[in-house]
Amino acid sequence: MNDHLEIQSLKEHITEKFKNHEEIEALRHKRINELLDHYNKEIEGNEGTIQRIHTRVDRIDTKIKTVQGVGTALATALGAVAAWLGMTTK
């Protein structure tokens, strides 16, 4: 009779261990899914930031080209004025 109680106790212990293991695995998978969801939300949030940065870089690039164009126009105009002054003062 005592052996029967020990076997029953061992079966209950093993059953409890398997149940606890399954619960731990379920919690682990739940946490992994939470982390993946957070990562996906973070990526989606970063996409907007990346788009804004690209827009700013494009605007800065356009402004630089505009300033370079104005500088070239001014240099050309000054060169023309200097040439005209050089021709008219002789």
Protein backbone atom coordinates (compact mmCIF):
# COMPACT_ATOMS: atom_id res chain seq x y z
CA MET A 1 0.00 0.00 0.00
CA ASN A 2 2.86 2.32 0.85
CA ASP A 3 4.43 1.72 -2.59
CA HIS A 4 1.13 2.67 -4.20
CA LEU A 5 1.14 6.01 -2.32
CA GLU A 6 4.73 6.68 -3.34
CA ILE A 7 3.95 5.93 -6.99
CA GLN A 8 0.85 8.13 -6.84
CA SER A 9 2.87 10.91 -5.20
CA LEU A 10 5.57 10.56 -7.85
CA LYS A 11 2.95 10.71 -10.64
CA GLU A 12 1.45 13.85 -9.11
CA HIS A 13 4.90 15.39 -8.79
CA ILE A 14 5.75 14.60 -12.42
CA THR A 15 2.38 15.91 -13.58
CA GLU A 16 2.92 19.13 -11.62
CA LYS A 17 6.42 19.54 -13.08
CA PHE A 18 5.12 19.09 -16.65
CA LYS A 19 2.30 21.54 -15.97
CA ASN A 20 4.76 24.10 -14.56
CA HIS A 21 7.06 23.58 -17.52
CA GLU A 22 4.19 24.17 -19.97
CA GLU A 23 3.20 27.33 -18.09
CA ILE A 24 6.79 28.60 -18.21
CA GLU A 25 6.98 27.87 -21.95
CA ALA A 26 3.66 29.67 -22.51
CA LEU A 27 4.92 32.70 -20.58
CA ARG A 28 8.20 32.65 -22.51
CA HIS A 29 6.34 32.61 -25.83
CA LYS A 30 4.04 35.38 -24.60
CA ARG A 31 7.06 37.52 -23.67
CA ILE A 32 8.74 36.86 -27.01
CA ASN A 33 5.54 37.95 -28.79
CA GLU A 34 5.38 41.09 -26.63
CA LEU A 35 8.98 41.93 -27.53
CA LEU A 36 8.31 41.35 -31.23
CA ASP A 37 5.21 43.56 -31.09
CA HIS A 38 7.21 46.30 -29.34
CA TYR A 39 10.00 45.97 -31.92
CA ASN A 40 7.51 46.24 -34.80
CA LYS A 41 5.90 49.32 -33.23
CA GLU A 42 9.33 50.85 -32.73
CA ILE A 43 10.21 50.23 -36.38
CA GLU A 44 6.92 51.80 -37.50
CA GLY A 45 7.64 54.83 -35.30
CA ASN A 46 11.14 55.13 -36.72
CA GLU A 47 9.88 55.07 -40.30
CA GLY A 48 8.21 58.44 -39.75
CA THR A 49 11.38 59.83 -38.22
CA ILE A 50 13.49 58.50 -41.08
CA GLN A 51 11.10 60.06 -43.61
CA ARG A 52 11.31 63.44 -41.83
CA ILE A 53 15.11 63.26 -41.79
CA HIS A 54 15.20 62.48 -45.52
CA THR A 55 12.89 65.43 -46.16
CA ARG A 56 15.15 67.73 -44.12
CA VAL A 57 18.26 66.48 -45.91
CA ASP A 58 16.57 67.09 -49.27
CA ARG A 59 15.66 70.64 -48.20
CA ILE A 60 19.19 71.33 -47.00
CA ASP A 61 20.59 69.93 -50.25
CA THR A 62 18.24 72.19 -52.24
CA LYS A 63 19.28 75.24 -50.18
CA ILE A 64 22.97 74.44 -50.71
CA LYS A 65 22.45 74.17 -54.46
CA THR A 66 20.54 77.45 -54.44
CA VAL A 67 23.33 79.21 -52.54
CA GLN A 68 25.92 77.73 -54.90
CA GLY A 69 23.86 78.91 -57.87
CA VAL A 70 23.57 82.43 -56.44
CA GLY A 71 27.31 82.43 -55.69
CA THR A 72 28.10 81.39 -59.24
CA ALA A 73 25.76 84.08 -60.61
CA LEU A 74 27.40 86.71 -58.38
CA ALA A 75 30.90 85.63 -59.39
CA THR A 76 29.91 85.76 -63.06
CA ALA A 77 28.33 89.20 -62.60
CA LEU A 78 31.39 90.52 -60.76
CA GLY A 79 33.62 89.09 -63.47
CA ALA A 80 31.52 90.81 -66.14
CA VAL A 81 31.61 94.12 -64.23
CA ALA A 82 35.39 93.84 -63.81
CA ALA A 83 35.81 93.08 -67.51
CA TRP A 84 33.55 95.99 -68.46
CA LEU A 85 35.45 98.32 -66.13
CA GLY A 86 38.71 97.08 -67.57
CA MET A 87 37.54 97.73 -71.12
CA THR A 88 36.05 101.17 -70.43
CA THR A 89 38.96 102.56 -68.43
CA LYS A 90 41.57 102.07 -71.19
